[in-house]
N, C-alpha and C. Protein backbone atom coordinates (compact mmCIF):
# COMPACT_ATOMS: atom_id res chain seq x y z
N MET A 1 1.00 -1.15 0.23
CA MET A 1 0.02 -0.07 -0.15
C MET A 1 0.92 1.41 0.20
N ARG A 2 0.28 2.67 -0.60
CA ARG A 2 1.16 3.57 -0.46
C ARG A 2 0.46 4.39 0.27
N HIS A 3 0.09 4.14 1.38
CA HIS A 3 -0.27 5.54 2.48
C HIS A 3 0.93 6.34 3.03
N ARG A 4 0.70 7.50 2.82
CA ARG A 4 1.26 8.69 2.81
C ARG A 4 2.71 8.67 2.32
N LYS A 5 2.57 8.21 1.20
CA LYS A 5 3.78 8.55 0.34
C LYS A 5 3.69 9.57 -1.00
N GLY A 6 2.61 10.61 -0.76
CA GLY A 6 2.26 11.35 -1.35
C GLY A 6 3.29 12.43 -1.81
N GLY A 7 3.29 13.49 -2.46
CA GLY A 7 4.36 14.66 -2.92
C GLY A 7 5.07 14.22 -4.06
N PHE A 8 5.59 15.08 -4.47
CA PHE A 8 6.52 15.29 -5.93
C PHE A 8 8.01 14.65 -5.51
N HIS A 9 8.32 13.64 -6.23
CA HIS A 9 9.53 12.79 -5.65
C HIS A 9 10.86 13.24 -6.87
N LEU A 10 10.24 13.73 -8.39
CA LEU A 10 11.21 14.19 -9.31
C LEU A 10 12.49 13.38 -9.53
N LYS A 11 12.31 12.05 -9.24
CA LYS A 11 13.22 11.18 -9.41
C LYS A 11 14.59 11.46 -8.95
N ARG A 12 14.77 12.27 -7.91
CA ARG A 12 15.65 12.68 -7.12
C ARG A 12 15.65 12.16 -5.61
N ASP A 13 16.86 12.01 -4.62
CA ASP A 13 16.98 11.75 -3.51
C ASP A 13 16.54 13.08 -2.88
N VAL A 14 16.27 13.26 -1.36
CA VAL A 14 15.98 13.99 -0.59
C VAL A 14 16.82 15.09 -0.63
N SER A 15 18.18 15.00 -0.53
CA SER A 15 19.01 16.19 -0.64
C SER A 15 18.99 16.94 -2.06
N ALA A 16 19.20 16.23 -3.03
CA ALA A 16 18.80 16.73 -4.52
C ALA A 16 17.68 17.48 -4.82
N ARG A 17 16.21 16.75 -4.46
CA ARG A 17 15.06 17.20 -4.48
C ARG A 17 14.95 18.95 -3.89
N ARG A 18 15.96 18.59 -2.52
CA ARG A 18 15.55 19.73 -1.69
C ARG A 18 16.41 21.08 -2.36
N ALA A 19 17.32 20.77 -2.74
CA ALA A 19 18.47 21.58 -3.64
C ALA A 19 17.84 22.13 -4.47
N LEU A 20 16.92 21.47 -5.22
CA LEU A 20 16.34 21.75 -6.59
C LEU A 20 15.41 22.48 -6.51
N LEU A 21 14.40 22.57 -5.35
CA LEU A 21 13.42 23.47 -4.93
C LEU A 21 13.80 24.66 -4.46
N ARG A 22 14.63 24.52 -3.58
CA ARG A 22 15.33 25.69 -3.19
C ARG A 22 15.76 26.77 -4.23
N SER A 23 16.36 25.94 -5.20
CA SER A 23 16.97 26.97 -6.24
C SER A 23 15.78 27.72 -7.15
N LEU A 24 14.95 26.85 -7.31
CA LEU A 24 13.68 27.36 -8.35
C LEU A 24 13.05 28.56 -7.35
N VAL A 25 12.70 28.02 -6.38
CA VAL A 25 11.91 29.26 -5.38
C VAL A 25 12.91 30.34 -5.55
N THR A 26 14.00 30.22 -5.07
CA THR A 26 15.03 31.83 -5.16
C THR A 26 15.06 32.11 -6.45
N SER A 27 14.95 31.41 -7.75
CA SER A 27 15.01 32.08 -9.25
C SER A 27 13.51 32.88 -9.06
N VAL A 28 12.41 32.18 -8.72
CA VAL A 28 10.96 32.87 -8.89
C VAL A 28 11.09 34.12 -8.30
N VAL A 29 11.91 34.00 -7.22
CA VAL A 29 11.69 35.42 -5.99
C VAL A 29 12.44 36.56 -7.01
N LEU A 30 13.64 35.94 -7.28
CA LEU A 30 14.44 37.21 -8.01
C LEU A 30 14.09 37.81 -9.23
N ASP A 31 13.80 36.74 -10.24
CA ASP A 31 13.35 36.87 -11.64
C ASP A 31 11.46 37.08 -11.67
N GLU A 32 11.02 36.68 -11.12
CA GLU A 32 9.41 36.55 -11.08
C GLU A 32 8.99 35.96 -11.96
N ARG A 33 9.80 35.16 -12.72
CA ARG A 33 9.25 34.24 -13.83
C ARG A 33 10.21 33.22 -14.48
N ILE A 34 10.09 31.85 -14.20
CA ILE A 34 11.36 30.84 -14.72
C ILE A 34 10.37 29.74 -15.73
N GLU A 35 11.23 29.57 -16.56
CA GLU A 35 10.57 28.37 -17.45
C GLU A 35 11.26 27.05 -16.86
N THR A 36 10.47 25.75 -16.93
CA THR A 36 10.78 24.95 -16.02
C THR A 36 10.05 23.67 -16.81
N THR A 37 10.21 22.61 -16.03
CA THR A 37 9.32 21.42 -16.61
C THR A 37 7.80 21.70 -15.63
N VAL A 38 6.62 21.23 -15.86
CA VAL A 38 5.33 20.94 -15.21
C VAL A 38 5.41 20.32 -14.01
N PRO A 39 6.17 19.29 -13.90
CA PRO A 39 6.14 18.67 -12.22
C PRO A 39 7.14 19.44 -11.25
N LYS A 40 8.43 20.22 -12.22
CA LYS A 40 9.03 21.18 -11.05
C LYS A 40 8.15 22.05 -10.78
N ALA A 41 7.71 22.83 -11.68
CA ALA A 41 6.93 23.99 -11.16
C ALA A 41 5.57 23.73 -10.14
N LYS A 42 5.07 22.40 -10.57
CA LYS A 42 4.11 22.21 -9.55
C LYS A 42 4.41 21.79 -8.05
N ALA A 43 5.65 21.57 -8.22
CA ALA A 43 6.11 20.81 -6.91
C ALA A 43 6.70 22.20 -6.32
N ALA A 44 7.27 23.73 -7.01
CA ALA A 44 7.57 24.69 -6.31
C ALA A 44 6.75 25.71 -5.98
N LYS A 45 5.31 25.63 -6.35
CA LYS A 45 4.84 26.42 -6.37
C LYS A 45 4.09 26.80 -4.82
N PRO A 46 3.64 25.64 -4.31
CA PRO A 46 3.48 25.94 -2.75
C PRO A 46 4.36 26.20 -2.05
N LEU A 47 5.94 26.40 -2.33
CA LEU A 47 6.89 26.72 -1.60
C LEU A 47 6.80 28.21 -1.79
N VAL A 48 7.05 28.36 -3.31
CA VAL A 48 6.68 29.78 -3.38
C VAL A 48 5.84 30.44 -2.80
N GLU A 49 4.36 30.11 -2.74
CA GLU A 49 3.12 30.87 -2.16
C GLU A 49 3.95 30.68 -0.50
N LYS A 50 3.99 29.88 0.12
CA LYS A 50 4.56 29.89 1.71
C LYS A 50 5.55 31.04 1.79
N MET A 51 6.52 31.21 1.03
CA MET A 51 7.56 32.42 1.03
C MET A 51 6.85 33.63 0.97
N ILE A 52 5.74 33.71 0.18
CA ILE A 52 5.24 35.10 -0.23
C ILE A 52 4.15 35.19 1.21
N THR A 53 3.94 34.34 1.91
CA THR A 53 3.41 34.14 3.02
C THR A 53 3.86 34.73 4.02
N LEU A 54 4.59 34.43 4.07
CA LEU A 54 5.98 34.59 5.30
C LEU A 54 6.39 36.16 5.31
N ALA A 55 6.49 36.68 3.73
CA ALA A 55 6.79 37.89 3.84
C ALA A 55 5.65 38.91 3.95
N LYS A 56 4.50 38.44 3.89
CA LYS A 56 3.56 39.29 4.23
C LYS A 56 3.28 39.10 5.69
N GLU A 57 3.83 38.70 6.51
CA GLU A 57 3.67 38.43 8.06
C GLU A 57 5.00 39.37 8.44
N GLY A 58 5.80 39.64 7.56
CA GLY A 58 7.00 40.79 7.71
C GLY A 58 7.72 40.58 9.33
N THR A 59 7.43 39.28 10.00
CA THR A 59 8.07 39.57 11.48
C THR A 59 9.63 39.17 11.36
N LEU A 60 10.44 39.37 12.23
CA LEU A 60 11.70 38.89 12.28
C LEU A 60 11.70 37.26 12.20
N HIS A 61 10.82 36.60 12.70
CA HIS A 61 10.97 35.24 12.67
C HIS A 61 10.91 34.59 11.30
N SER A 62 9.73 35.34 10.77
CA SER A 62 9.44 35.03 9.51
C SER A 62 10.50 35.39 8.49
N ARG A 63 11.13 36.41 8.50
CA ARG A 63 12.42 36.53 7.75
C ARG A 63 13.71 35.55 8.19
N ARG A 64 13.89 35.18 9.05
CA ARG A 64 14.73 34.18 9.42
C ARG A 64 14.56 32.79 8.82
N LEU A 65 13.17 32.42 8.76
CA LEU A 65 12.51 31.29 8.07
C LEU A 65 12.95 31.43 6.77
N ALA A 66 12.60 32.33 6.20
CA ALA A 66 12.57 32.58 4.81
C ALA A 66 14.26 32.38 4.24
N ALA A 67 14.98 33.09 5.18
CA ALA A 67 16.34 33.18 4.95
C ALA A 67 17.22 31.67 5.20
N GLN A 68 16.42 30.69 6.07
CA GLN A 68 17.32 29.46 5.93
C GLN A 68 16.51 28.74 4.89
N PHE A 69 15.38 29.01 3.86
CA PHE A 69 15.11 28.51 2.71
C PHE A 69 15.58 28.82 1.43
N LEU A 70 15.79 30.23 1.42
CA LEU A 70 16.04 30.83 0.24
C LEU A 70 17.83 31.03 -0.10
N LEU A 71 17.97 30.80 -0.76
CA LEU A 71 19.82 30.53 -1.33
C LEU A 71 20.74 32.00 -0.90
N THR A 72 19.84 33.20 -1.34
CA THR A 72 20.81 34.30 -1.59
C THR A 72 20.10 35.59 -0.65
N PRO A 73 20.89 36.20 0.09
CA PRO A 73 20.29 37.53 0.70
C PRO A 73 19.70 38.65 -0.07
N GLU A 74 19.69 38.59 -1.27
CA GLU A 74 19.16 39.38 -2.25
C GLU A 74 17.72 39.11 -2.19
N SER A 75 17.54 37.79 -2.72
CA SER A 75 16.03 37.29 -2.78
C SER A 75 15.11 37.49 -1.13
N VAL A 76 15.75 37.50 -0.07
CA VAL A 76 14.97 37.50 0.84
C VAL A 76 14.74 38.82 0.95
N LYS A 77 15.92 39.64 0.80
CA LYS A 77 15.29 41.36 0.66
C LYS A 77 14.30 41.68 -0.29
N LYS A 78 14.65 41.24 -1.32
CA LYS A 78 13.44 41.23 -2.26
C LYS A 78 12.00 40.95 -2.04
N LEU A 79 11.87 39.51 -1.58
CA LEU A 79 11.03 38.99 -0.75
C LEU A 79 10.34 39.84 0.00
N PHE A 80 10.91 40.70 1.01
CA PHE A 80 10.22 41.12 2.10
C PHE A 80 9.97 42.62 1.91
N ASP A 81 11.03 43.03 1.04
CA ASP A 81 10.79 44.89 0.70
C ASP A 81 9.69 44.80 -0.57
N LYS A 82 9.52 43.73 -1.62
CA LYS A 82 8.88 44.47 -2.80
C LYS A 82 7.44 43.68 -2.95
N LEU A 83 7.93 42.24 -2.45
CA LEU A 83 6.76 40.91 -2.76
C LEU A 83 5.94 40.94 -1.80
N GLY A 84 6.12 40.92 -0.59
CA GLY A 84 5.39 41.15 0.84
C GLY A 84 4.47 42.08 0.59
N PRO A 85 4.64 43.67 0.33
CA PRO A 85 3.98 44.76 0.41
C PRO A 85 2.99 44.63 -0.87
N ARG A 86 3.49 43.69 -1.92
CA ARG A 86 2.75 44.08 -3.34
C ARG A 86 1.48 42.92 -3.13
N PHE A 87 1.70 41.90 -2.38
CA PHE A 87 0.46 40.67 -2.20
C PHE A 87 0.00 41.23 -1.10
N GLY A 88 -0.11 42.29 -0.18
CA GLY A 88 -0.55 42.25 1.22
C GLY A 88 -2.19 41.89 1.16
N GLN A 89 -2.80 42.54 0.03
CA GLN A 89 -4.28 42.56 0.30
C GLN A 89 -4.56 41.34 -0.58
N ARG A 90 -3.57 40.38 -1.14
CA ARG A 90 -4.11 39.13 -1.83
C ARG A 90 -4.11 38.17 -0.75
N ASN A 91 -5.26 37.28 -0.84
CA ASN A 91 -5.46 35.99 0.17
C ASN A 91 -4.99 34.69 -0.59
N GLY A 92 -4.03 34.99 -1.14
CA GLY A 92 -3.51 33.09 -1.55
C GLY A 92 -3.16 33.46 -2.98
N GLY A 93 -2.94 32.68 -3.96
CA GLY A 93 -2.67 32.90 -5.23
C GLY A 93 -2.06 33.53 -5.97
N TYR A 94 -0.57 33.52 -5.44
CA TYR A 94 -0.02 34.50 -6.12
C TYR A 94 0.99 34.01 -7.15
N THR A 95 1.08 32.94 -7.65
CA THR A 95 1.65 32.11 -8.70
C THR A 95 0.80 31.64 -9.77
N ARG A 96 0.89 31.59 -10.88
CA ARG A 96 0.25 31.16 -11.98
C ARG A 96 1.42 29.95 -12.55
N ILE A 97 0.87 28.85 -13.35
CA ILE A 97 1.55 28.27 -14.03
C ILE A 97 0.97 28.10 -15.46
N VAL A 98 1.90 28.63 -16.73
CA VAL A 98 1.29 28.49 -18.06
C VAL A 98 2.05 27.81 -18.85
N ARG A 99 1.44 26.84 -19.55
CA ARG A 99 2.36 25.78 -20.15
C ARG A 99 2.53 26.43 -21.22
N VAL A 100 3.94 26.37 -21.52
CA VAL A 100 4.76 26.70 -23.01
C VAL A 100 4.48 25.86 -24.23
N GLY A 101 4.83 24.67 -23.87
CA GLY A 101 5.21 23.87 -25.25
C GLY A 101 5.83 22.50 -24.66
N PHE A 102 6.41 21.79 -25.81
CA PHE A 102 7.45 20.76 -25.42
C PHE A 102 8.82 21.08 -26.06
N ARG A 103 9.91 20.95 -24.82
CA ARG A 103 11.05 20.88 -25.01
C ARG A 103 11.85 20.36 -26.31
N ARG A 104 12.54 20.93 -27.21
CA ARG A 104 13.00 20.31 -28.17
C ARG A 104 14.04 19.05 -27.96
N GLY A 105 14.94 19.02 -27.35
CA GLY A 105 15.77 18.15 -26.67
C GLY A 105 15.24 16.91 -26.07
N ASP A 106 14.17 16.61 -25.46
CA ASP A 106 13.89 15.37 -24.60
C ASP A 106 12.25 15.66 -24.66
N GLY A 107 11.94 16.31 -25.52
CA GLY A 107 10.13 16.50 -25.22
C GLY A 107 9.15 16.71 -23.98
N ALA A 108 10.14 17.02 -22.64
CA ALA A 108 9.35 17.53 -21.92
C ALA A 108 8.54 18.44 -22.03
N GLU A 109 7.35 18.55 -21.07
CA GLU A 109 6.19 19.83 -21.45
C GLU A 109 7.09 20.79 -20.33
N THR A 110 7.45 21.79 -20.99
CA THR A 110 7.93 22.80 -19.91
C THR A 110 6.64 24.07 -19.72
N CYS A 111 6.56 24.84 -18.75
CA CYS A 111 5.58 25.59 -18.55
C CYS A 111 6.56 27.15 -17.81
N MET A 112 5.83 27.87 -17.88
CA MET A 112 6.48 29.33 -16.97
C MET A 112 5.67 29.29 -15.76
N LEU A 113 6.67 29.35 -14.74
CA LEU A 113 5.84 29.65 -13.15
C LEU A 113 6.06 31.07 -12.87
N GLU A 114 5.31 31.72 -12.73
CA GLU A 114 5.19 33.33 -12.80
C GLU A 114 4.38 33.80 -11.45
N LEU A 115 4.73 34.87 -10.99
CA LEU A 115 4.09 35.63 -10.12
C LEU A 115 3.07 36.37 -10.70
N VAL A 116 2.13 36.35 -10.16
CA VAL A 116 0.79 37.02 -10.78
C VAL A 116 1.01 38.34 -10.67
N GLY A 117 0.82 39.17 -11.83
CA GLY A 117 0.97 40.73 -11.86
C GLY A 117 2.33 40.97 -12.31
N SER A 118 3.20 39.76 -12.40
CA SER A 118 4.57 40.31 -13.22
C SER A 118 4.52 40.59 -14.67
N ASP A 119 3.63 39.93 -15.12
CA ASP A 119 3.49 40.06 -16.62
C ASP A 119 3.00 41.15 -17.21
N LEU A 120 2.30 41.96 -16.05
CA LEU A 120 1.82 43.42 -16.84
C LEU A 120 2.99 43.92 -16.89
N VAL A 121 3.91 44.00 -15.91
CA VAL A 121 5.26 45.16 -15.85
C VAL A 121 5.85 44.57 -16.97
N ARG A 122 6.28 43.11 -17.39
CA ARG A 122 7.24 43.17 -18.09
C ARG A 122 6.50 43.20 -19.59
N ARG A 123 5.41 42.98 -19.80
CA ARG A 123 4.73 43.39 -20.86
C ARG A 123 4.74 44.69 -21.31
N ALA A 124 4.35 45.60 -20.45
CA ALA A 124 4.42 47.12 -20.81
C ALA A 124 6.05 47.64 -21.03
N ALA A 125 7.18 47.12 -20.07
CA ALA A 125 8.42 47.49 -20.54
C ALA A 125 8.81 46.73 -21.78
N ASP A 126 8.18 45.49 -22.40
CA ASP A 126 8.68 45.03 -23.87
C ASP A 126 8.29 45.76 -24.94
N ARG A 127 6.86 46.50 -24.49
CA ARG A 127 6.25 46.99 -25.28
C ARG A 127 6.48 48.40 -25.72
N ALA A 128 7.19 49.16 -24.43
CA ALA A 128 7.96 50.71 -24.63
C ALA A 128 8.91 50.31 -25.42
N LYS A 129 9.66 49.00 -25.67
CA LYS A 129 11.34 48.73 -25.93
C LYS A 129 11.08 48.54 -27.41
N ARG A 130 10.00 47.76 -27.65
CA ARG A 130 9.97 48.13 -29.29
C ARG A 130 9.46 49.02 -29.70
N ARG A 131 8.67 49.89 -29.07
CA ARG A 131 8.04 51.15 -29.78
C ARG A 131 9.20 51.97 -30.07
N GLU A 132 9.90 52.02 -29.23
CA GLU A 132 11.25 52.92 -29.19
C GLU A 132 12.26 52.56 -30.22
N GLU A 133 12.42 51.16 -30.58
CA GLU A 133 13.12 50.56 -31.63
C GLU A 133 12.28 50.82 -32.76
N LYS A 134 11.04 50.94 -33.12
CA LYS A 134 10.41 51.08 -34.45
C LYS A 134 10.62 52.68 -34.50
N LEU A 135 10.56 53.70 -33.73
CA LEU A 135 10.93 55.04 -33.69
C LEU A 135 12.16 55.29 -34.31
N LYS A 136 13.10 54.54 -33.46
CA LYS A 136 14.59 54.60 -34.28
C LYS A 136 14.86 54.36 -35.40
N ALA A 137 14.31 53.25 -35.91
CA ALA A 137 14.56 52.19 -37.18
C ALA A 137 13.88 53.71 -37.98
N LEU A 138 12.67 53.97 -37.78
CA LEU A 138 12.19 55.04 -38.71
C LEU A 138 12.93 56.13 -38.88
N GLN A 139 13.27 56.91 -37.61
CA GLN A 139 14.09 58.07 -37.96
C GLN A 139 15.69 57.80 -38.53
N GLU A 140 15.76 56.69 -38.57
CA GLU A 140 17.07 56.18 -39.24
C GLU A 140 16.73 55.94 -40.85
N GLY A 141 15.40 55.69 -41.22
CA GLY A 141 15.35 55.48 -42.53
C GLY A 141 15.05 56.83 -43.14
N ARG A 142 14.43 57.84 -42.30
CA ARG A 142 14.38 59.08 -42.97
C ARG A 142 15.44 59.84 -43.17
N ASP A 143 16.49 59.57 -42.05
CA ASP A 143 17.71 60.28 -42.42
C ASP A 143 18.48 59.44 -43.35
N ALA A 144 18.60 58.47 -43.62
CA ALA A 144 19.19 57.49 -44.88
C ALA A 144 18.40 57.91 -46.14
N GLY A 145 17.38 58.29 -46.27
CA GLY A 145 16.21 58.33 -47.45
C GLY A 145 16.77 59.84 -47.85
N ALA A 146 16.76 60.76 -46.83
CA ALA A 146 16.97 62.56 -47.01
C ALA A 146 18.52 62.16 -47.62
N GLU A 147 19.36 61.80 -47.31
CA GLU A 147 20.96 61.54 -47.61
C GLU A 147 20.87 61.17 -48.98
N GLY A 148 20.11 60.13 -49.02
CA GLY A 148 20.13 59.48 -50.52
C GLY A 148 19.69 60.52 -51.59
N ASP A 149 17.98 61.37 -51.30
CA ASP A 149 17.57 62.33 -52.36
C ASP A 149 18.83 63.33 -52.53
N SER A 150 19.55 63.77 -51.57
CA SER A 150 20.31 65.12 -51.69
C SER A 150 21.67 64.65 -52.79
N ALA A 151 21.80 63.35 -52.80
CA ALA A 151 23.02 63.04 -53.35
C ALA A 151 22.45 62.57 -54.85
N ASN A 152 21.19 62.47 -55.02
CA ASN A 152 21.22 62.06 -56.23
C ASN A 152 20.53 63.77 -57.16
N SER A 153 20.03 64.77 -56.33
CA SER A 153 19.91 65.75 -56.98
C SER A 153 21.02 66.89 -57.50
């Protein structure tokens, strides 16, 4: 019988699995979005949510608990300074899993594990960057066109 054998094993022993999940959670906190396989994302999602819940508490004890789990001091600082206040009014559901497709090398199904709300910030920044590049290309095209017209005259 398989009583009390639940959870995600991810074909790793305990220490390797713990190290993998700690690095995934640290990356999500720092980058707000990572691309990984679906089982790894499903295993990391509750841990990310737990870290954000600790950040919402904001006590010294919760900061020390988060520092025990996360790998870098920068991630702890960002978690408590930015992410905790950002999700202060939200009652759970801080992350989402968006399936991307299949990886080319081994055919594993990949997904994006991201914090809710981070997509709006990134999309706006990407949109502004593309708009700036278009304007720059148009201006360079006009300048090149003006130079070409004067040379033909």
